[in-house]
mmCIF file of all heavy atoms, coordinates in Angstrom:
data_MODEL
# 
_entry.id   MODEL 
# 
loop_
_atom_site.group_PDB 
_atom_site.id 
_atom_site.type_symbol 
_atom_site.label_atom_id 
_atom_site.label_alt_id 
_atom_site.label_comp_id 
_atom_site.label_asym_id 
_atom_site.label_entity_id 
_atom_site.label_seq_id 
_atom_site.pdbx_PDB_ins_code 
_atom_site.Cartn_x 
_atom_site.Cartn_y 
_atom_site.Cartn_z 
_atom_site.occupancy 
_atom_site.B_iso_or_equiv 
_atom_site.pdbx_formal_charge 
_atom_site.auth_seq_id 
_atom_site.auth_comp_id 
_atom_site.auth_asym_id 
_atom_site.auth_atom_id 
_atom_site.pdbx_PDB_model_num 
ATOM 1   N N   . GLU A 1 1  ? -20.754 -19.398 0.735  1.00 0.00 ? 1  GLU A N   1 
ATOM 2   C CA  . GLU A 1 1  ? -21.937 -19.418 -0.115 1.00 0.00 ? 1  GLU A CA  1 
ATOM 3   C C   . GLU A 1 1  ? -22.117 -20.836 -0.676 1.00 0.00 ? 1  GLU A C   1 
ATOM 4   O O   . GLU A 1 1  ? -21.168 -21.631 -0.706 1.00 0.00 ? 1  GLU A O   1 
ATOM 5   C CB  . GLU A 1 1  ? -21.775 -18.419 -1.260 1.00 0.00 ? 1  GLU A CB  1 
ATOM 6   C CG  . GLU A 1 1  ? -21.696 -16.964 -0.815 1.00 0.00 ? 1  GLU A CG  1 
ATOM 7   C CD  . GLU A 1 1  ? -22.984 -16.504 -0.155 1.00 0.00 ? 1  GLU A CD  1 
ATOM 8   O OE1 . GLU A 1 1  ? -24.076 -16.898 -0.648 1.00 0.00 ? 1  GLU A OE1 1 
ATOM 9   O OE2 . GLU A 1 1  ? -22.919 -15.784 0.853  1.00 0.00 ? 1  GLU A OE2 1 
ATOM 10  N N   . PRO A 1 2  ? -23.347 -21.172 -1.119 1.00 0.00 ? 2  PRO A N   1 
ATOM 11  C CA  . PRO A 1 2  ? -23.600 -22.546 -1.588 1.00 0.00 ? 2  PRO A CA  1 
ATOM 12  C C   . PRO A 1 2  ? -22.624 -23.030 -2.657 1.00 0.00 ? 2  PRO A C   1 
ATOM 13  O O   . PRO A 1 2  ? -22.129 -24.160 -2.575 1.00 0.00 ? 2  PRO A O   1 
ATOM 14  C CB  . PRO A 1 2  ? -25.033 -22.463 -2.133 1.00 0.00 ? 2  PRO A CB  1 
ATOM 15  C CG  . PRO A 1 2  ? -25.672 -21.362 -1.353 1.00 0.00 ? 2  PRO A CG  1 
ATOM 16  C CD  . PRO A 1 2  ? -24.592 -20.360 -1.105 1.00 0.00 ? 2  PRO A CD  1 
ATOM 17  N N   . ALA A 1 3  ? -22.330 -22.196 -3.646 1.00 0.00 ? 3  ALA A N   1 
ATOM 18  C CA  . ALA A 1 3  ? -21.443 -22.638 -4.733 1.00 0.00 ? 3  ALA A CA  1 
ATOM 19  C C   . ALA A 1 3  ? -20.054 -22.965 -4.207 1.00 0.00 ? 3  ALA A C   1 
ATOM 20  O O   . ALA A 1 3  ? -19.441 -23.963 -4.614 1.00 0.00 ? 3  ALA A O   1 
ATOM 21  C CB  . ALA A 1 3  ? -21.370 -21.557 -5.814 1.00 0.00 ? 3  ALA A CB  1 
ATOM 22  N N   . LEU A 1 4  ? -19.547 -22.125 -3.300 1.00 0.00 ? 4  LEU A N   1 
ATOM 23  C CA  . LEU A 1 4  ? -18.219 -22.367 -2.745 1.00 0.00 ? 4  LEU A CA  1 
ATOM 24  C C   . LEU A 1 4  ? -18.216 -23.617 -1.864 1.00 0.00 ? 4  LEU A C   1 
ATOM 25  O O   . LEU A 1 4  ? -17.273 -24.422 -1.909 1.00 0.00 ? 4  LEU A O   1 
ATOM 26  C CB  . LEU A 1 4  ? -17.756 -21.148 -1.936 1.00 0.00 ? 4  LEU A CB  1 
ATOM 27  C CG  . LEU A 1 4  ? -16.367 -21.236 -1.310 1.00 0.00 ? 4  LEU A CG  1 
ATOM 28  C CD1 . LEU A 1 4  ? -15.306 -21.495 -2.368 1.00 0.00 ? 4  LEU A CD1 1 
ATOM 29  C CD2 . LEU A 1 4  ? -16.049 -19.970 -0.528 1.00 0.00 ? 4  LEU A CD2 1 
ATOM 30  N N   . GLU A 1 5  ? -19.290 -23.800 -1.093 1.00 0.00 ? 5  GLU A N   1 
ATOM 31  C CA  . GLU A 1 5  ? -19.340 -24.982 -0.232 1.00 0.00 ? 5  GLU A CA  1 
ATOM 32  C C   . GLU A 1 5  ? -19.437 -26.265 -1.060 1.00 0.00 ? 5  GLU A C   1 
ATOM 33  O O   . GLU A 1 5  ? -18.836 -27.288 -0.715 1.00 0.00 ? 5  GLU A O   1 
ATOM 34  C CB  . GLU A 1 5  ? -20.513 -24.895 0.748  1.00 0.00 ? 5  GLU A CB  1 
ATOM 35  C CG  . GLU A 1 5  ? -20.471 -25.961 1.826  1.00 0.00 ? 5  GLU A CG  1 
ATOM 36  C CD  . GLU A 1 5  ? -21.291 -25.611 3.050  1.00 0.00 ? 5  GLU A CD  1 
ATOM 37  O OE1 . GLU A 1 5  ? -22.167 -24.723 2.965  1.00 0.00 ? 5  GLU A OE1 1 
ATOM 38  O OE2 . GLU A 1 5  ? -21.056 -26.225 4.105  1.00 0.00 ? 5  GLU A OE2 1 
ATOM 39  N N   . GLN A 1 6  ? -20.159 -26.206 -2.172 1.00 0.00 ? 6  GLN A N   1 
ATOM 40  C CA  . GLN A 1 6  ? -20.206 -27.362 -3.065 1.00 0.00 ? 6  GLN A CA  1 
ATOM 41  C C   . GLN A 1 6  ? -18.813 -27.674 -3.621 1.00 0.00 ? 6  GLN A C   1 
ATOM 42  O O   . GLN A 1 6  ? -18.428 -28.843 -3.739 1.00 0.00 ? 6  GLN A O   1 
ATOM 43  C CB  . GLN A 1 6  ? -21.172 -27.092 -4.224 1.00 0.00 ? 6  GLN A CB  1 
ATOM 44  C CG  . GLN A 1 6  ? -22.638 -27.136 -3.841 1.00 0.00 ? 6  GLN A CG  1 
ATOM 45  C CD  . GLN A 1 6  ? -23.545 -26.962 -5.044 1.00 0.00 ? 6  GLN A CD  1 
ATOM 46  O OE1 . GLN A 1 6  ? -23.266 -27.483 -6.118 1.00 0.00 ? 6  GLN A OE1 1 
ATOM 47  N NE2 . GLN A 1 6  ? -24.625 -26.212 -4.869 1.00 0.00 ? 6  GLN A NE2 1 
ATOM 48  N N   . GLN A 1 7  ? -18.071 -26.631 -3.934 1.00 0.00 ? 7  GLN A N   1 
ATOM 49  C CA  . GLN A 1 7  ? -16.719 -26.830 -4.449 1.00 0.00 ? 7  GLN A CA  1 
ATOM 50  C C   . GLN A 1 7  ? -15.819 -27.458 -3.383 1.00 0.00 ? 7  GLN A C   1 
ATOM 51  O O   . GLN A 1 7  ? -14.984 -28.319 -3.683 1.00 0.00 ? 7  GLN A O   1 
ATOM 52  C CB  . GLN A 1 7  ? -16.149 -25.484 -4.915 1.00 0.00 ? 7  GLN A CB  1 
ATOM 53  C CG  . GLN A 1 7  ? -14.868 -25.604 -5.714 1.00 0.00 ? 7  GLN A CG  1 
ATOM 54  C CD  . GLN A 1 7  ? -14.384 -24.250 -6.212 1.00 0.00 ? 7  GLN A CD  1 
ATOM 55  O OE1 . GLN A 1 7  ? -15.076 -23.236 -6.069 1.00 0.00 ? 7  GLN A OE1 1 
ATOM 56  N NE2 . GLN A 1 7  ? -13.193 -24.229 -6.786 1.00 0.00 ? 7  GLN A NE2 1 
ATOM 57  N N   . ILE A 1 8  ? -16.002 -27.025 -2.132 1.00 0.00 ? 8  ILE A N   1 
ATOM 58  C CA  . ILE A 1 8  ? -15.217 -27.595 -1.027 1.00 0.00 ? 8  ILE A CA  1 
ATOM 59  C C   . ILE A 1 8  ? -15.531 -29.077 -0.867 1.00 0.00 ? 8  ILE A C   1 
ATOM 60  O O   . ILE A 1 8  ? -14.632 -29.913 -0.730 1.00 0.00 ? 8  ILE A O   1 
ATOM 61  C CB  . ILE A 1 8  ? -15.504 -26.824 0.278  1.00 0.00 ? 8  ILE A CB  1 
ATOM 62  C CG1 . ILE A 1 8  ? -14.975 -25.395 0.187  1.00 0.00 ? 8  ILE A CG1 1 
ATOM 63  C CG2 . ILE A 1 8  ? -14.869 -27.544 1.476  1.00 0.00 ? 8  ILE A CG2 1 
ATOM 64  C CD1 . ILE A 1 8  ? -15.422 -24.491 1.322  1.00 0.00 ? 8  ILE A CD1 1 
ATOM 65  N N   . VAL A 1 9  ? -16.823 -29.411 -0.883 1.00 0.00 ? 9  VAL A N   1 
ATOM 66  C CA  . VAL A 1 9  ? -17.222 -30.813 -0.742 1.00 0.00 ? 9  VAL A CA  1 
ATOM 67  C C   . VAL A 1 9  ? -16.687 -31.631 -1.913 1.00 0.00 ? 9  VAL A C   1 
ATOM 68  O O   . VAL A 1 9  ? -16.207 -32.759 -1.734 1.00 0.00 ? 9  VAL A O   1 
ATOM 69  C CB  . VAL A 1 9  ? -18.758 -30.930 -0.641 1.00 0.00 ? 9  VAL A CB  1 
ATOM 70  C CG1 . VAL A 1 9  ? -19.187 -32.403 -0.661 1.00 0.00 ? 9  VAL A CG1 1 
ATOM 71  C CG2 . VAL A 1 9  ? -19.263 -30.264 0.633  1.00 0.00 ? 9  VAL A CG2 1 
ATOM 72  N N   . ALA A 1 10 ? -16.739 -31.075 -3.108 1.00 0.00 ? 10 ALA A N   1 
ATOM 73  C CA  . ALA A 1 10 ? -16.241 -31.795 -4.282 1.00 0.00 ? 10 ALA A CA  1 
ATOM 74  C C   . ALA A 1 10 ? -14.751 -32.080 -4.161 1.00 0.00 ? 10 ALA A C   1 
ATOM 75  O O   . ALA A 1 10 ? -14.262 -33.121 -4.614 1.00 0.00 ? 10 ALA A O   1 
ATOM 76  C CB  . ALA A 1 10 ? -16.524 -30.983 -5.543 1.00 0.00 ? 10 ALA A CB  1 
ATOM 77  N N   . THR A 1 11 ? -14.012 -31.169 -3.524 1.00 0.00 ? 11 THR A N   1 
ATOM 78  C CA  . THR A 1 11 ? -12.572 -31.359 -3.349 1.00 0.00 ? 11 THR A CA  1 
ATOM 79  C C   . THR A 1 11 ? -12.275 -32.392 -2.277 1.00 0.00 ? 11 THR A C   1 
ATOM 80  O O   . THR A 1 11 ? -11.403 -33.242 -2.439 1.00 0.00 ? 11 THR A O   1 
ATOM 81  C CB  . THR A 1 11 ? -11.907 -30.021 -2.975 1.00 0.00 ? 11 THR A CB  1 
ATOM 82  O OG1 . THR A 1 11 ? -12.141 -29.073 -4.032 1.00 0.00 ? 11 THR A OG1 1 
ATOM 83  C CG2 . THR A 1 11 ? -10.411 -30.182 -2.785 1.00 0.00 ? 11 THR A CG2 1 
ATOM 84  N N   . ARG A 1 12 ? -13.013 -32.321 -1.166 1.00 0.00 ? 12 ARG A N   1 
ATOM 85  C CA  . ARG A 1 12 ? -12.740 -33.208 -0.031 1.00 0.00 ? 12 ARG A CA  1 
ATOM 86  C C   . ARG A 1 12 ? -13.394 -34.584 -0.176 1.00 0.00 ? 12 ARG A C   1 
ATOM 87  O O   . ARG A 1 12 ? -12.859 -35.576 0.327  1.00 0.00 ? 12 ARG A O   1 
ATOM 88  C CB  . ARG A 1 12 ? -13.203 -32.538 1.265  1.00 0.00 ? 12 ARG A CB  1 
ATOM 89  C CG  . ARG A 1 12 ? -12.428 -31.276 1.633  1.00 0.00 ? 12 ARG A CG  1 
ATOM 90  C CD  . ARG A 1 12 ? -10.942 -31.563 1.756  1.00 0.00 ? 12 ARG A CD  1 
ATOM 91  N NE  . ARG A 1 12 ? -10.175 -30.395 2.135  1.00 0.00 ? 12 ARG A NE  1 
ATOM 92  C CZ  . ARG A 1 12 ? -9.865  -30.090 3.391  1.00 0.00 ? 12 ARG A CZ  1 
ATOM 93  N NH1 . ARG A 1 12 ? -10.260 -30.887 4.376  1.00 0.00 ? 12 ARG A NH1 1 
ATOM 94  N NH2 . ARG A 1 12 ? -9.156  -29.012 3.658  1.00 0.00 ? 12 ARG A NH2 1 
ATOM 95  N N   . VAL A 1 13 ? -14.554 -34.637 -0.822 1.00 0.00 ? 13 VAL A N   1 
ATOM 96  C CA  . VAL A 1 13 ? -15.259 -35.916 -0.985 1.00 0.00 ? 13 VAL A CA  1 
ATOM 97  C C   . VAL A 1 13 ? -15.669 -36.043 -2.456 1.00 0.00 ? 13 VAL A C   1 
ATOM 98  O O   . VAL A 1 13 ? -16.858 -35.934 -2.804 1.00 0.00 ? 13 VAL A O   1 
ATOM 99  C CB  . VAL A 1 13 ? -16.491 -36.014 -0.065 1.00 0.00 ? 13 VAL A CB  1 
ATOM 100 C CG1 . VAL A 1 13 ? -16.960 -37.464 0.066  1.00 0.00 ? 13 VAL A CG1 1 
ATOM 101 C CG2 . VAL A 1 13 ? -16.222 -35.446 1.317  1.00 0.00 ? 13 VAL A CG2 1 
ATOM 102 N N   . PRO A 1 14 ? -14.708 -36.241 -3.340 1.00 0.00 ? 14 PRO A N   1 
ATOM 103 C CA  . PRO A 1 14 ? -15.006 -36.222 -4.779 1.00 0.00 ? 14 PRO A CA  1 
ATOM 104 C C   . PRO A 1 14 ? -15.931 -37.348 -5.238 1.00 0.00 ? 14 PRO A C   1 
ATOM 105 O O   . PRO A 1 14 ? -16.546 -37.251 -6.307 1.00 0.00 ? 14 PRO A O   1 
ATOM 106 C CB  . PRO A 1 14 ? -13.614 -36.358 -5.423 1.00 0.00 ? 14 PRO A CB  1 
ATOM 107 C CG  . PRO A 1 14 ? -12.747 -36.970 -4.375 1.00 0.00 ? 14 PRO A CG  1 
ATOM 108 C CD  . PRO A 1 14 ? -13.280 -36.465 -3.071 1.00 0.00 ? 14 PRO A CD  1 
ATOM 109 N N   . GLU A 1 15 ? -16.068 -38.408 -4.434 1.00 0.00 ? 15 GLU A N   1 
ATOM 110 C CA  . GLU A 1 15 ? -16.910 -39.533 -4.840 1.00 0.00 ? 15 GLU A CA  1 
ATOM 111 C C   . GLU A 1 15 ? -18.409 -39.216 -4.786 1.00 0.00 ? 15 GLU A C   1 
ATOM 112 O O   . GLU A 1 15 ? -19.222 -39.917 -5.392 1.00 0.00 ? 15 GLU A O   1 
ATOM 113 C CB  . GLU A 1 15 ? -16.634 -40.756 -3.949 1.00 0.00 ? 15 GLU A CB  1 
ATOM 114 C CG  . GLU A 1 15 ? -15.189 -41.238 -3.975 1.00 0.00 ? 15 GLU A CG  1 
ATOM 115 C CD  . GLU A 1 15 ? -14.318 -40.506 -2.964 1.00 0.00 ? 15 GLU A CD  1 
ATOM 116 O OE1 . GLU A 1 15 ? -14.813 -39.551 -2.320 1.00 0.00 ? 15 GLU A OE1 1 
ATOM 117 O OE2 . GLU A 1 15 ? -13.147 -40.909 -2.807 1.00 0.00 ? 15 GLU A OE2 1 
ATOM 118 N N   . VAL A 1 16 ? -18.789 -38.169 -4.061 1.00 0.00 ? 16 VAL A N   1 
ATOM 119 C CA  . VAL A 1 16 ? -20.205 -37.800 -3.956 1.00 0.00 ? 16 VAL A CA  1 
ATOM 120 C C   . VAL A 1 16 ? -20.672 -37.213 -5.284 1.00 0.00 ? 16 VAL A C   1 
ATOM 121 O O   . VAL A 1 16 ? -20.001 -36.365 -5.869 1.00 0.00 ? 16 VAL A O   1 
ATOM 122 C CB  . VAL A 1 16 ? -20.412 -36.788 -2.811 1.00 0.00 ? 16 VAL A CB  1 
ATOM 123 C CG1 . VAL A 1 16 ? -21.825 -36.227 -2.837 1.00 0.00 ? 16 VAL A CG1 1 
ATOM 124 C CG2 . VAL A 1 16 ? -20.152 -37.449 -1.468 1.00 0.00 ? 16 VAL A CG2 1 
ATOM 125 N N   . SER A 1 17 ? -21.830 -37.655 -5.756 1.00 0.00 ? 17 SER A N   1 
ATOM 126 C CA  . SER A 1 17 ? -22.355 -37.173 -7.033 1.00 0.00 ? 17 SER A CA  1 
ATOM 127 C C   . SER A 1 17 ? -22.706 -35.692 -6.958 1.00 0.00 ? 17 SER A C   1 
ATOM 128 O O   . SER A 1 17 ? -22.974 -35.155 -5.870 1.00 0.00 ? 17 SER A O   1 
ATOM 129 C CB  . SER A 1 17 ? -23.593 -37.973 -7.432 1.00 0.00 ? 17 SER A CB  1 
ATOM 130 O OG  . SER A 1 17 ? -24.667 -37.698 -6.545 1.00 0.00 ? 17 SER A OG  1 
ATOM 131 N N   . ALA A 1 18 ? -22.736 -35.035 -8.102 1.00 0.00 ? 18 ALA A N   1 
ATOM 132 C CA  . ALA A 1 18 ? -23.050 -33.608 -8.155 1.00 0.00 ? 18 ALA A CA  1 
ATOM 133 C C   . ALA A 1 18 ? -24.453 -33.333 -7.629 1.00 0.00 ? 18 ALA A C   1 
ATOM 134 O O   . ALA A 1 18 ? -24.696 -32.338 -6.927 1.00 0.00 ? 18 ALA A O   1 
ATOM 135 C CB  . ALA A 1 18 ? -22.906 -33.100 -9.584 1.00 0.00 ? 18 ALA A CB  1 
ATOM 136 N N   . ALA A 1 19 ? -25.404 -34.235 -7.949 1.00 0.00 ? 19 ALA A N   1 
ATOM 137 C CA  . ALA A 1 19 ? -26.786 -34.035 -7.503 1.00 0.00 ? 19 ALA A CA  1 
ATOM 138 C C   . ALA A 1 19 ? -26.891 -34.106 -5.981 1.00 0.00 ? 19 ALA A C   1 
ATOM 139 O O   . ALA A 1 19 ? -27.514 -33.243 -5.339 1.00 0.00 ? 19 ALA A O   1 
ATOM 140 C CB  . ALA A 1 19 ? -27.695 -35.078 -8.146 1.00 0.00 ? 19 ALA A CB  1 
ATOM 141 N N   . LEU A 1 20 ? -26.280 -35.119 -5.392 1.00 0.00 ? 20 LEU A N   1 
ATOM 142 C CA  . LEU A 1 20 ? -26.325 -35.247 -3.931 1.00 0.00 ? 20 LEU A CA  1 
ATOM 143 C C   . LEU A 1 20 ? -25.565 -34.103 -3.273 1.00 0.00 ? 20 LEU A C   1 
ATOM 144 O O   . LEU A 1 20 ? -25.982 -33.600 -2.222 1.00 0.00 ? 20 LEU A O   1 
ATOM 145 C CB  . LEU A 1 20 ? -25.730 -36.590 -3.505 1.00 0.00 ? 20 LEU A CB  1 
ATOM 146 C CG  . LEU A 1 20 ? -25.696 -36.857 -1.990 1.00 0.00 ? 20 LEU A CG  1 
ATOM 147 C CD1 . LEU A 1 20 ? -27.090 -36.785 -1.399 1.00 0.00 ? 20 LEU A CD1 1 
ATOM 148 C CD2 . LEU A 1 20 ? -25.042 -38.204 -1.683 1.00 0.00 ? 20 LEU A CD2 1 
ATOM 149 N N   . ARG A 1 21 ? -24.475 -33.694 -3.882 1.00 0.00 ? 21 ARG A N   1 
ATOM 150 C CA  . ARG A 1 21 ? -23.696 -32.582 -3.339 1.00 0.00 ? 21 ARG A CA  1 
ATOM 151 C C   . ARG A 1 21 ? -24.544 -31.313 -3.259 1.00 0.00 ? 21 ARG A C   1 
ATOM 152 O O   . ARG A 1 21 ? -24.529 -30.598 -2.265 1.00 0.00 ? 21 ARG A O   1 
ATOM 153 C CB  . ARG A 1 21 ? -22.452 -32.364 -4.201 1.00 0.00 ? 21 ARG A CB  1 
ATOM 154 C CG  . ARG A 1 21 ? -21.493 -31.349 -3.637 1.00 0.00 ? 21 ARG A CG  1 
ATOM 155 C CD  . ARG A 1 21 ? -20.141 -31.426 -4.343 1.00 0.00 ? 21 ARG A CD  1 
ATOM 156 N NE  . ARG A 1 21 ? -20.232 -31.151 -5.767 1.00 0.00 ? 21 ARG A NE  1 
ATOM 157 C CZ  . ARG A 1 21 ? -19.938 -32.007 -6.735 1.00 0.00 ? 21 ARG A CZ  1 
ATOM 158 N NH1 . ARG A 1 21 ? -19.551 -33.231 -6.446 1.00 0.00 ? 21 ARG A NH1 1 
ATOM 159 N NH2 . ARG A 1 21 ? -20.036 -31.660 -8.004 1.00 0.00 ? 21 ARG A NH2 1 
ATOM 160 N N   . ARG A 1 22 ? -25.293 -31.032 -4.314 1.00 0.00 ? 22 ARG A N   1 
ATOM 161 C CA  . ARG A 1 22 ? -26.161 -29.839 -4.300 1.00 0.00 ? 22 ARG A CA  1 
ATOM 162 C C   . ARG A 1 22 ? -27.208 -29.952 -3.201 1.00 0.00 ? 22 ARG A C   1 
ATOM 163 O O   . ARG A 1 22 ? -27.495 -28.982 -2.488 1.00 0.00 ? 22 ARG A O   1 
ATOM 164 C CB  . ARG A 1 22 ? -26.847 -29.679 -5.659 1.00 0.00 ? 22 ARG A CB  1 
ATOM 165 C CG  . ARG A 1 22 ? -25.949 -29.160 -6.762 1.00 0.00 ? 22 ARG A CG  1 
ATOM 166 C CD  . ARG A 1 22 ? -26.762 -28.722 -7.970 1.00 0.00 ? 22 ARG A CD  1 
ATOM 167 N NE  . ARG A 1 22 ? -27.522 -29.838 -8.543 1.00 0.00 ? 22 ARG A NE  1 
ATOM 168 C CZ  . ARG A 1 22 ? -27.062 -30.660 -9.472 1.00 0.00 ? 22 ARG A CZ  1 
ATOM 169 N NH1 . ARG A 1 22 ? -25.833 -30.496 -9.934 1.00 0.00 ? 22 ARG A NH1 1 
ATOM 170 N NH2 . ARG A 1 22 ? -27.818 -31.637 -9.948 1.00 0.00 ? 22 ARG A NH2 1 
ATOM 171 N N   . GLN A 1 23 ? -27.789 -31.143 -3.056 1.00 0.00 ? 23 GLN A N   1 
ATOM 172 C CA  . GLN A 1 23 ? -28.853 -31.323 -2.067 1.00 0.00 ? 23 GLN A CA  1 
ATOM 173 C C   . GLN A 1 23 ? -28.337 -31.189 -0.638 1.00 0.00 ? 23 GLN A C   1 
ATOM 174 O O   . GLN A 1 23 ? -28.947 -30.502 0.187  1.00 0.00 ? 23 GLN A O   1 
ATOM 175 C CB  . GLN A 1 23 ? -29.506 -32.695 -2.266 1.00 0.00 ? 23 GLN A CB  1 
ATOM 176 C CG  . GLN A 1 23 ? -30.307 -32.825 -3.537 1.00 0.00 ? 23 GLN A CG  1 
ATOM 177 C CD  . GLN A 1 23 ? -30.861 -34.221 -3.736 1.00 0.00 ? 23 GLN A CD  1 
ATOM 178 O OE1 . GLN A 1 23 ? -30.720 -35.093 -2.869 1.00 0.00 ? 23 GLN A OE1 1 
ATOM 179 N NE2 . GLN A 1 23 ? -31.505 -34.460 -4.880 1.00 0.00 ? 23 GLN A NE2 1 
ATOM 180 N N   . LEU A 1 24 ? -27.225 -31.843 -0.342 1.00 0.00 ? 24 LEU A N   1 
ATOM 181 C CA  . LEU A 1 24 ? -26.749 -31.820 1.047  1.00 0.00 ? 24 LEU A CA  1 
ATOM 182 C C   . LEU A 1 24 ? -26.252 -30.434 1.439  1.00 0.00 ? 24 LEU A C   1 
ATOM 183 O O   . LEU A 1 24 ? -26.429 -29.998 2.582  1.00 0.00 ? 24 LEU A O   1 
ATOM 184 C CB  . LEU A 1 24 ? -25.690 -32.897 1.281  1.00 0.00 ? 24 LEU A CB  1 
ATOM 185 C CG  . LEU A 1 24 ? -24.303 -32.793 0.645  1.00 0.00 ? 24 LEU A CG  1 
ATOM 186 C CD1 . LEU A 1 24 ? -23.337 -32.008 1.505  1.00 0.00 ? 24 LEU A CD1 1 
ATOM 187 C CD2 . LEU A 1 24 ? -23.740 -34.188 0.376  1.00 0.00 ? 24 LEU A CD2 1 
ATOM 188 N N   . VAL A 1 25 ? -25.633 -29.712 0.491  1.00 0.00 ? 25 VAL A N   1 
ATOM 189 C CA  . VAL A 1 25 ? -25.207 -28.353 0.791  1.00 0.00 ? 25 VAL A CA  1 
ATOM 190 C C   . VAL A 1 25 ? -26.416 -27.446 0.990  1.00 0.00 ? 25 VAL A C   1 
ATOM 191 O O   . VAL A 1 25 ? -26.434 -26.612 1.904  1.00 0.00 ? 25 VAL A O   1 
ATOM 192 C CB  . VAL A 1 25 ? -24.284 -27.807 -0.324 1.00 0.00 ? 25 VAL A CB  1 
ATOM 193 C CG1 . VAL A 1 25 ? -24.097 -26.294 -0.191 1.00 0.00 ? 25 VAL A CG1 1 
ATOM 194 C CG2 . VAL A 1 25 ? -22.935 -28.513 -0.287 1.00 0.00 ? 25 VAL A CG2 1 
ATOM 195 N N   . ALA A 1 26 ? -27.436 -27.592 0.174  1.00 0.00 ? 26 ALA A N   1 
ATOM 196 C CA  . ALA A 1 26 ? -28.655 -26.791 0.332  1.00 0.00 ? 26 ALA A CA  1 
ATOM 197 C C   . ALA A 1 26 ? -29.310 -27.069 1.677  1.00 0.00 ? 26 ALA A C   1 
ATOM 198 O O   . ALA A 1 26 ? -29.814 -26.148 2.342  1.00 0.00 ? 26 ALA A O   1 
ATOM 199 C CB  . ALA A 1 26 ? -29.630 -27.096 -0.805 1.00 0.00 ? 26 ALA A CB  1 
# 
């Protein structure tokens, strides 16, 4: 799900901003 995938990206690529993370996962 989007929330879980955002959490995965945050763990693996923590340098990506929260805003960009939401956009790329969406």
